[in-house]
């Protein structure tokens, strides 16, 4: 597929890397000369130096011949213009990153299709969805979702008191009955591998499991976490993300407090957030967090417009005794450092946008990849093509070569996710979420390609 990316920031670069790896014909438009030079050194793709609002730059990147355009600059108006031109030039798929509430808000009267946009991604709403999932699943180390949240990939570290301790994976699957779950990665004593049915759950084990959303309550029961829920949440921030997050959490959390460092913004927030207590103050000051009883909260989220106060306030909340803290980071290159110094969950809107766009693209023809943090494995979602080897028999037979190297974690058939077994037969058009060692990924993808 010929794909043009407009904007070479974190989102655009990540997309270019993944699309090139998937052997697509990728070109990129970027206005920053130094950024262009850097990307030309790293990637073997066409890089056009110029503005995304320039028809000549877009034409030079091959937009007229492309099947898809990804408009991911930091400026909404440029992304809209790109998609409008792409529509005039006959580009079939036109995806844009849009932040403004005037365009993406629930009450907007703007018809995005008429502007030329076939799909749009709102970074703030996407970040809120991720944090909402983190808050909803007790003790989760990491959580990702596919297909509008119908399939979940969750990581938990096993603890001594969990009911599942001492049972084998095969026993757990049998006890689950119709509630399907599939452990796809086990990290034990610093080594990550694909688990087997004979593996016994032990304290300290780091398990990654694929489950349909409907099976989440049963999975929480196995871990002894079913009765736990967030009753008090403290959010700190002075922007749209903080407002949206409070609005989402108040629908299921009893006590939600917003700490807003901007007094004028806080007054507007209080008018729009019925049921949420809004406090004006600096969340990086200990006295302010004590005033809102952050030690008695179940989760604290630094969700302001700048990375440093988000991280600092999250660390301060944790030092006060908040059991779960998260921070929005606009500096993805530093996310590992933030986690190492104590922020349990670091959410990067830019990385999340790239991942969401890859999910949208996948629903057409290709695979998407998701690197699981600190594990030597990745999740790949692949579409089964007509006549591919993966469709030639049951998984027990066609997957035999990769049994110790990868696992088919979930199958989405006609929009419905299911956890496969050895007798499952993959049909053409099905998408399969595969968890694998990176070195086996390319070989596995060949199973899904037309022979």
Protein backbone atom coordinates (compact mmCIF):
# COMPACT_ATOMS: atom_id res chain seq x y z
CA UNK A 1 0.00 0.00 0.00
CA UNK A 2 1.26 3.50 -0.79
CA UNK A 3 0.93 5.68 2.32
CA UNK A 4 1.82 9.35 2.82
CA UNK A 5 2.52 10.60 6.36
CA UNK A 6 2.34 14.34 7.02
CA UNK A 7 4.23 15.39 10.15
CA UNK A 8 7.38 13.72 11.45
CA UNK A 9 7.08 14.17 15.19
CA UNK A 10 6.88 11.22 17.57
CA UNK A 11 3.62 10.02 16.01
CA UNK A 12 4.71 10.34 12.40
CA UNK A 13 8.12 8.78 12.96
CA UNK A 14 6.69 5.79 14.88
CA UNK A 15 4.16 5.22 12.12
CA UNK A 16 6.85 5.42 9.44
CA UNK A 17 8.98 2.81 11.24
CA UNK A 18 6.12 0.34 11.61
CA UNK A 19 4.74 0.85 8.11
CA UNK A 20 8.14 0.44 6.50
CA UNK A 21 8.72 -2.71 8.53
CA UNK A 22 5.43 -4.02 7.15
CA UNK A 23 6.85 -3.42 3.64
CA UNK A 24 4.54 -0.58 2.64
CA UNK A 25 5.58 2.18 0.26
CA UNK A 26 5.92 5.08 2.71
CA UNK A 27 6.68 8.76 2.08
CA UNK A 28 6.78 11.56 4.61
CA UNK A 29 6.28 15.35 4.53
CA UNK A 30 7.98 17.42 7.25
CA UNK A 31 8.76 21.18 7.44
CA UNK A 32 11.78 20.94 9.79
CA UNK A 33 15.02 20.51 7.75
CA UNK A 34 16.97 18.95 10.64
CA UNK A 35 14.18 16.48 11.33
CA UNK A 36 14.10 15.55 7.64
CA UNK A 37 17.86 14.93 7.60
CA UNK A 38 17.67 12.78 10.72
CA UNK A 39 14.87 10.61 9.32
CA UNK A 40 16.67 10.14 5.98
CA UNK A 41 19.62 8.71 7.94
CA UNK A 42 17.39 6.28 9.89
CA UNK A 43 14.79 5.16 7.34
CA UNK A 44 14.87 4.20 3.69
CA UNK A 45 11.79 6.22 2.71
CA UNK A 46 11.03 9.30 0.62
CA UNK A 47 11.19 12.40 2.86
CA UNK A 48 9.90 15.66 1.39
CA UNK A 49 10.90 18.88 3.12
CA UNK A 50 7.93 21.26 3.10
CA UNK A 51 4.75 22.33 4.80
CA UNK A 52 1.83 19.95 5.09
CA UNK A 53 -0.35 22.78 3.82
CA UNK A 54 1.64 22.96 0.56
CA UNK A 55 -0.02 21.16 -2.38
CA UNK A 56 3.34 20.95 -4.16
CA UNK A 57 5.00 19.25 -1.17
CA UNK A 58 2.12 16.77 -0.89
CA UNK A 59 2.26 16.13 -4.63
CA UNK A 60 6.01 15.57 -4.39
CA UNK A 61 5.41 12.94 -1.73
CA UNK A 62 3.09 11.06 -4.11
CA UNK A 63 -0.24 11.91 -2.49
CA UNK A 64 -2.12 11.74 -5.81
CA UNK A 65 -1.10 8.08 -6.20
CA UNK A 66 -1.48 7.07 -2.54
CA UNK A 67 -4.19 4.83 -1.08
CA UNK A 68 -3.89 6.40 2.39
CA UNK A 69 -2.78 9.63 4.05
CA UNK A 70 -1.99 10.04 7.75
CA UNK A 71 -2.15 13.72 8.77
CA UNK A 72 -0.49 13.82 12.19
CA UNK A 73 1.04 17.29 12.54
CA UNK A 74 0.49 19.22 15.77
CA UNK A 75 -1.83 21.68 13.97
CA UNK A 76 -5.47 20.63 13.46
CA UNK A 77 -6.02 23.04 10.58
CA UNK A 78 -3.09 21.60 8.62
CA UNK A 79 -4.33 18.04 9.18
CA UNK A 80 -7.81 19.01 7.97
CA UNK A 81 -6.40 20.74 4.88
CA UNK A 82 -4.27 17.69 4.06
CA UNK A 83 -7.31 15.41 4.19
CA UNK A 84 -9.36 17.86 2.12
CA UNK A 85 -6.74 17.89 -0.64
CA UNK A 86 -6.38 14.11 -0.41
CA UNK A 87 -10.13 13.72 -0.93
CA UNK A 88 -9.98 15.90 -4.05
CA UNK A 89 -7.11 13.78 -5.36
CA UNK A 90 -8.97 10.52 -4.82
CA UNK A 91 -7.10 9.13 -1.78
CA UNK A 92 -9.40 6.50 -0.33
CA UNK A 93 -8.41 6.51 3.36
CA UNK A 94 -7.69 9.82 5.17
CA UNK A 95 -6.84 9.70 8.89
CA UNK A 96 -6.17 12.86 10.91
CA UNK A 97 -5.06 13.73 14.43
CA UNK A 98 -7.57 16.30 15.74
CA UNK A 99 -7.44 17.93 19.21
CA UNK A 100 -9.86 20.85 19.06
CA UNK A 101 -13.22 20.40 20.77
CA UNK A 102 -14.78 22.51 18.01
CA UNK A 103 -14.08 19.66 15.61
CA UNK A 104 -13.98 16.54 17.80
CA UNK A 105 -16.27 17.36 20.73
CA UNK A 106 -19.47 15.43 21.27
CA UNK A 107 -21.61 18.51 20.59
CA UNK A 108 -19.81 19.56 17.40
CA UNK A 109 -21.89 20.31 14.35
CA UNK A 110 -18.95 19.83 12.01
CA UNK A 111 -19.25 16.99 9.50
CA UNK A 112 -15.73 15.53 9.41
CA UNK A 113 -16.51 13.45 6.33
CA UNK A 114 -17.31 16.59 4.35
CA UNK A 115 -13.99 18.05 5.43
CA UNK A 116 -12.34 15.02 3.85
CA UNK A 117 -11.54 13.04 7.00
CA UNK A 118 -12.55 9.38 7.01
CA UNK A 119 -11.20 8.74 10.56
CA UNK A 120 -9.90 11.09 13.24
CA UNK A 121 -7.99 10.49 16.47
CA UNK A 122 -8.41 12.74 19.53
CA UNK A 123 -5.23 12.40 21.69
CA UNK A 124 -6.87 13.65 24.88
CA UNK A 125 -9.84 11.28 24.71
CA UNK A 126 -7.47 8.44 23.86
CA UNK A 127 -5.32 9.20 26.92
CA UNK A 128 -8.43 9.29 29.11
CA UNK A 129 -9.52 5.87 27.84
CA UNK A 130 -6.12 4.40 28.72
CA UNK A 131 -6.10 5.89 32.23
CA UNK A 132 -9.70 4.79 32.80
CA UNK A 133 -8.65 1.20 32.04
CA UNK A 134 -5.64 1.48 34.38
CA UNK A 135 -7.89 2.78 37.16
CA UNK A 136 -10.56 0.13 36.61
CA UNK A 137 -8.25 -2.93 36.83
CA UNK A 138 -6.70 -3.32 40.32
CA UNK A 139 -2.91 -3.82 40.59
CA UNK A 140 -2.48 -3.92 36.81
CA UNK A 141 1.08 -3.39 35.61
CA UNK A 142 0.13 -2.71 32.01
CA UNK A 143 -3.06 -2.85 29.95
CA UNK A 144 -3.78 -2.49 26.24
CA UNK A 145 -6.97 -2.93 24.28
CA UNK A 146 -7.85 -3.93 20.74
CA UNK A 147 -11.04 -3.52 18.74
CA UNK A 148 -12.62 -0.72 20.75
CA UNK A 149 -11.71 -2.38 24.04
CA UNK A 150 -13.32 -5.77 23.36
CA UNK A 151 -9.97 -7.60 23.68
CA UNK A 152 -7.64 -6.77 26.58
CA UNK A 153 -3.97 -7.56 27.15
CA UNK A 154 -3.24 -7.24 30.88
CA UNK A 155 -0.12 -7.75 33.01
CA UNK A 156 -0.13 -8.64 36.69
CA UNK A 157 2.61 -9.65 39.11
CA UNK A 158 1.44 -12.64 41.15
CA UNK A 159 1.23 -12.19 44.94
CA UNK A 160 1.22 -14.73 47.75
CA UNK A 161 -2.42 -14.14 48.74
CA UNK A 162 -3.86 -14.61 45.25
CA UNK A 163 -6.20 -17.66 44.97
CA UNK A 164 -4.54 -18.68 41.71
CA UNK A 165 -1.15 -19.29 43.41
CA UNK A 166 -0.20 -22.98 43.35
CA UNK A 167 -2.48 -23.82 40.43
CA UNK A 168 -1.23 -24.66 36.95
CA UNK A 169 -2.19 -22.59 33.96
CA UNK A 170 -4.16 -25.57 32.61
CA UNK A 171 -6.15 -25.76 35.86
CA UNK A 172 -6.91 -22.04 35.71
CA UNK A 173 -8.19 -22.33 32.14
CA UNK A 174 -10.37 -25.27 33.14
CA UNK A 175 -11.77 -23.39 36.17
CA UNK A 176 -12.58 -20.41 33.96
CA UNK A 177 -15.10 -22.50 32.01
CA UNK A 178 -16.82 -20.33 29.42
CA UNK A 179 -14.84 -17.31 30.61
CA UNK A 180 -11.83 -17.67 28.38
CA UNK A 181 -8.37 -16.47 29.31
CA UNK A 182 -4.98 -17.18 27.79
CA UNK A 183 -1.64 -16.44 29.45
CA UNK A 184 0.70 -15.41 26.66
CA UNK A 185 3.89 -14.40 28.49
CA UNK A 186 5.61 -15.34 31.74
CA UNK A 187 8.52 -13.40 33.18
CA UNK A 188 10.26 -15.28 35.98
CA UNK A 189 13.67 -14.53 37.49
CA UNK A 190 14.45 -12.03 34.74
CA UNK A 191 13.61 -14.35 31.84
CA UNK A 192 10.55 -14.01 29.59
CA UNK A 193 9.03 -16.98 27.77
CA UNK A 194 5.79 -18.35 26.36
CA UNK A 195 4.02 -20.21 29.22
CA UNK A 196 2.71 -23.78 28.98
CA UNK A 197 -0.26 -25.46 30.63
CA UNK A 198 2.05 -27.14 33.15
CA UNK A 199 3.40 -23.83 34.51
CA UNK A 200 2.43 -23.24 38.14
CA UNK A 201 1.54 -19.71 39.28
CA UNK A 202 4.13 -18.55 41.84
CA UNK A 203 4.50 -15.32 43.83
CA UNK A 204 6.60 -12.82 41.86
CA UNK A 205 5.65 -14.23 38.46
CA UNK A 206 4.88 -11.53 35.91
CA UNK A 207 2.04 -12.86 33.73
CA UNK A 208 0.62 -11.24 30.59
CA UNK A 209 -2.85 -12.51 29.72
CA UNK A 210 -5.25 -11.98 26.82
CA UNK A 211 -8.92 -11.90 27.78
CA UNK A 212 -12.19 -10.75 26.23
CA UNK A 213 -13.59 -7.79 28.16
CA UNK A 214 -16.55 -9.96 29.22
CA UNK A 215 -14.15 -12.32 31.06
CA UNK A 216 -12.45 -9.57 33.07
CA UNK A 217 -14.59 -10.10 36.22
CA UNK A 218 -13.70 -13.81 36.27
CA UNK A 219 -10.02 -13.02 35.83
CA UNK A 220 -10.18 -10.54 38.73
CA UNK A 221 -11.78 -13.31 40.83
CA UNK A 222 -8.80 -15.64 40.13
CA UNK A 223 -6.45 -12.90 41.34
CA UNK A 224 -8.51 -12.15 44.43
CA UNK A 225 -9.15 -8.61 43.22
CA UNK A 226 -12.85 -8.86 42.38
CA UNK A 227 -14.05 -6.83 45.38
CA UNK A 228 -11.58 -4.01 44.95
CA UNK A 229 -12.47 -0.80 43.16
CA UNK A 230 -11.45 2.83 43.10
CA UNK A 231 -13.53 4.86 45.55
CA UNK A 232 -11.48 8.07 45.59
CA UNK A 233 -9.47 9.58 42.72
CA UNK A 234 -7.41 12.77 42.70
CA UNK A 235 -6.63 14.36 39.33
CA UNK A 236 -4.20 17.24 38.90
CA UNK A 237 -4.17 19.39 35.79
CA UNK A 238 -5.12 22.57 34.05
CA UNK A 239 -6.19 21.40 30.61
CA UNK A 240 -8.70 19.46 28.60
CA UNK A 241 -7.30 16.03 29.49
CA UNK A 242 -7.87 16.62 33.21
CA UNK A 243 -11.46 17.74 32.57
CA UNK A 244 -12.25 14.78 30.34
CA UNK A 245 -10.68 12.37 32.82
CA UNK A 246 -12.71 13.72 35.73
CA UNK A 247 -15.84 13.48 33.61
CA UNK A 248 -15.10 9.84 32.75
CA UNK A 249 -14.18 8.77 36.29
CA UNK A 250 -17.13 10.41 38.03
CA UNK A 251 -19.48 7.97 36.24
CA UNK A 252 -18.13 5.08 38.36
CA UNK A 253 -15.90 6.54 41.11
CA UNK A 254 -17.64 7.85 44.23
CA UNK A 255 -15.22 10.67 45.08
CA UNK A 256 -13.34 12.57 42.35
CA UNK A 257 -11.26 15.67 43.14
CA UNK A 258 -9.55 17.96 40.65
CA UNK A 259 -6.53 20.01 41.77
CA UNK A 260 -6.18 22.85 39.28
CA UNK A 261 -3.17 25.22 39.42
CA UNK A 262 -4.95 27.73 37.15
CA UNK A 263 -7.68 29.51 39.15
CA UNK A 264 -9.64 30.75 36.12
CA UNK A 265 -9.52 27.33 34.50
CA UNK A 266 -10.56 25.73 37.80
CA UNK A 267 -13.63 27.97 38.03
CA UNK A 268 -14.69 26.95 34.51
CA UNK A 269 -14.05 23.30 35.39
CA UNK A 270 -16.22 23.57 38.50
CA UNK A 271 -19.09 24.93 36.40
CA UNK A 272 -18.90 22.01 33.97
CA UNK A 273 -18.06 19.13 36.30
CA UNK A 274 -21.05 18.49 38.50
CA UNK A 275 -20.20 16.08 41.30
CA UNK A 276 -16.44 16.77 41.16
CA UNK A 277 -14.73 18.80 43.89
CA UNK A 278 -12.39 21.37 42.34
CA UNK A 279 -9.52 22.78 44.42
CA UNK A 280 -7.24 25.61 43.29
CA UNK A 281 -3.62 24.88 44.17
CA UNK A 282 -0.22 23.69 43.01
CA UNK A 283 -0.22 19.86 42.95
CA UNK A 284 3.57 19.79 43.32
CA UNK A 285 3.20 21.24 46.86
CA UNK A 286 2.80 18.71 49.66
CA UNK A 287 0.37 20.87 51.67
CA UNK A 288 -2.04 21.05 48.72
CA UNK A 289 -2.08 17.28 48.29
CA UNK A 290 -2.58 16.81 52.01
CA UNK A 291 -5.51 19.23 51.88
CA UNK A 292 -7.31 16.91 49.43
CA UNK A 293 -6.28 13.83 51.47
CA UNK A 294 -4.27 12.31 48.63
CA UNK A 295 -3.06 9.60 51.05
CA UNK A 296 -6.63 8.36 51.27
CA UNK A 297 -7.10 8.18 47.50
CA UNK A 298 -6.88 4.98 45.47
CA UNK A 299 -5.34 6.65 42.42
CA UNK A 300 -3.63 9.95 41.59
CA UNK A 301 -3.12 11.16 38.03
CA UNK A 302 -0.93 14.06 36.92
CA UNK A 303 -2.87 15.14 33.83
CA UNK A 304 -1.78 18.71 33.19
CA UNK A 305 -0.39 20.28 30.03
CA UNK A 306 3.29 19.90 31.01
CA UNK A 307 5.26 16.75 31.73
CA UNK A 308 7.41 17.93 34.66
CA UNK A 309 4.57 18.92 37.06
CA UNK A 310 2.66 15.78 36.07
CA UNK A 311 5.58 13.56 37.03
CA UNK A 312 6.56 15.55 40.12
CA UNK A 313 3.01 15.60 41.51
CA UNK A 314 2.63 11.84 40.87
CA UNK A 315 5.87 11.14 42.76
CA UNK A 316 4.76 13.40 45.60
CA UNK A 317 1.38 11.63 45.80
CA UNK A 318 3.12 8.27 45.97
CA UNK A 319 5.40 9.48 48.75
CA UNK A 320 2.24 10.49 50.64
CA UNK A 321 0.91 6.95 50.36
CA UNK A 322 -1.29 6.84 47.25
CA UNK A 323 -1.09 3.19 46.08
CA UNK A 324 -1.46 3.84 42.34
CA UNK A 325 -0.11 6.89 40.49
CA UNK A 326 -0.03 7.83 36.82
CA UNK A 327 1.26 10.75 34.78
CA UNK A 328 0.71 12.12 31.29
CA UNK A 329 4.07 12.52 29.53
CA UNK A 330 4.73 14.60 26.44
CA UNK A 331 8.37 13.47 26.44
CA UNK A 332 8.19 9.79 25.41
CA UNK A 333 11.97 9.49 25.30
CA UNK A 334 11.96 9.90 29.10
CA UNK A 335 9.11 7.52 29.93
CA UNK A 336 11.37 4.68 31.03
CA UNK A 337 13.19 7.03 33.42
CA UNK A 338 9.89 8.25 34.89
CA UNK A 339 8.84 4.66 35.60
CA UNK A 340 12.21 3.82 37.13
CA UNK A 341 11.98 6.69 39.61
CA UNK A 342 8.54 5.60 40.80
CA UNK A 343 5.71 6.64 38.47
CA UNK A 344 3.90 3.33 37.97
CA UNK A 345 1.93 4.30 34.86
CA UNK A 346 3.24 6.77 32.29
CA UNK A 347 0.86 7.56 29.45
CA UNK A 348 2.22 9.11 26.26
CA UNK A 349 -0.55 10.64 24.11
CA UNK A 350 1.73 10.64 21.07
CA UNK A 351 2.62 6.96 21.37
CA UNK A 352 -1.03 6.18 22.01
CA UNK A 353 -2.11 8.02 18.85
CA UNK A 354 0.40 6.08 16.76
CA UNK A 355 -0.83 2.80 18.24
CA UNK A 356 -4.48 3.71 17.63
CA UNK A 357 -3.79 4.67 14.02
CA UNK A 358 -1.99 1.38 13.46
CA UNK A 359 -5.06 -0.41 14.83
CA UNK A 360 -7.27 1.48 12.37
CA UNK A 361 -4.92 0.69 9.49
CA UNK A 362 -4.80 -2.97 10.46
CA UNK A 363 -8.53 -3.30 10.02
CA UNK A 364 -7.75 -2.89 6.36
CA UNK A 365 -4.89 -5.12 5.26
CA UNK A 366 -1.88 -5.18 7.54
CA UNK A 367 -0.46 -6.12 10.91
CA UNK A 368 0.10 -3.87 13.87
CA UNK A 369 2.75 -4.27 16.53
CA UNK A 370 2.75 -3.47 20.22
CA UNK A 371 5.91 -3.70 22.29
CA UNK A 372 5.21 -4.90 25.82
CA UNK A 373 7.25 -2.89 28.30
CA UNK A 374 10.44 -4.51 29.59
CA UNK A 375 9.52 -7.85 28.01
CA UNK A 376 11.35 -9.42 25.10
CA UNK A 377 8.07 -10.07 23.31
CA UNK A 378 5.67 -8.10 21.17
CA UNK A 379 2.01 -8.31 20.29
CA UNK A 380 1.15 -8.43 16.60
CA UNK A 381 -2.33 -8.31 15.15
CA UNK A 382 -2.45 -9.91 11.69
CA UNK A 383 -5.18 -10.36 9.10
CA UNK A 384 -5.53 -13.84 7.56
CA UNK A 385 -5.44 -13.58 3.77
CA UNK A 386 -7.34 -15.94 1.42
CA UNK A 387 -5.32 -19.07 0.67
CA UNK A 388 -2.84 -18.48 3.51
CA UNK A 389 -1.33 -21.41 5.38
CA UNK A 390 -2.94 -20.28 8.66
CA UNK A 391 -6.37 -21.08 7.16
CA UNK A 392 -5.39 -24.59 6.01
CA UNK A 393 -6.19 -26.48 9.23
CA UNK A 394 -6.70 -26.31 12.99
CA UNK A 395 -4.22 -24.28 15.04
CA UNK A 396 -2.87 -27.48 16.60
CA UNK A 397 -1.52 -28.41 13.16
CA UNK A 398 -0.57 -25.12 11.47
CA UNK A 399 0.99 -23.60 14.61
CA UNK A 400 3.18 -26.56 15.54
CA UNK A 401 6.46 -24.95 14.39
CA UNK A 402 5.94 -21.93 16.63
CA UNK A 403 4.52 -23.55 19.78
CA UNK A 404 7.42 -22.55 22.03
CA UNK A 405 8.09 -19.23 20.30
CA UNK A 406 4.66 -17.61 19.97
CA UNK A 407 1.02 -17.96 20.89
CA UNK A 408 -2.22 -17.01 19.16
CA UNK A 409 -3.81 -15.00 21.94
CA UNK A 410 -7.15 -14.04 20.40
CA UNK A 411 -9.08 -14.33 17.16
CA UNK A 412 -11.53 -11.70 15.94
CA UNK A 413 -14.09 -13.34 13.63
CA UNK A 414 -16.71 -11.09 12.02
CA UNK A 415 -16.06 -8.48 14.67
CA UNK A 416 -16.44 -10.89 17.61
CA UNK A 417 -13.32 -11.69 19.69
CA UNK A 418 -12.69 -15.20 21.01
CA UNK A 419 -9.87 -17.01 22.77
CA UNK A 420 -8.71 -19.86 20.51
CA UNK A 421 -7.91 -23.47 21.35
CA UNK A 422 -6.05 -26.20 19.50
CA UNK A 423 -9.13 -27.10 17.44
CA UNK A 424 -9.79 -23.50 16.34
CA UNK A 425 -9.62 -22.95 12.59
CA UNK A 426 -8.68 -19.48 11.37
CA UNK A 427 -10.80 -18.29 8.44
CA UNK A 428 -9.85 -15.78 5.78
CA UNK A 429 -10.61 -12.26 6.98
CA UNK A 430 -10.11 -13.18 10.65
CA UNK A 431 -7.61 -11.08 12.58
CA UNK A 432 -5.37 -12.83 15.08
CA UNK A 433 -3.54 -11.24 18.01
CA UNK A 434 -0.20 -13.03 18.25
CA UNK A 435 2.28 -12.64 21.11
CA UNK A 436 5.76 -13.59 19.99
CA UNK A 437 9.47 -13.14 20.37
CA UNK A 438 10.55 -10.36 17.96
CA UNK A 439 12.89 -12.67 16.02
CA UNK A 440 9.95 -14.92 15.07
CA UNK A 441 7.53 -12.15 14.06
CA UNK A 442 8.38 -11.98 10.35
CA UNK A 443 8.20 -15.77 9.93
CA UNK A 444 4.81 -15.89 11.63
CA UNK A 445 3.44 -13.17 9.38
CA UNK A 446 4.20 -15.40 6.39
CA UNK A 447 1.62 -17.88 7.71
CA UNK A 448 -1.04 -15.24 7.14
CA UNK A 449 0.01 -14.21 3.62
CA UNK A 450 -1.50 -15.55 0.43
CA UNK A 451 0.65 -18.41 -0.91
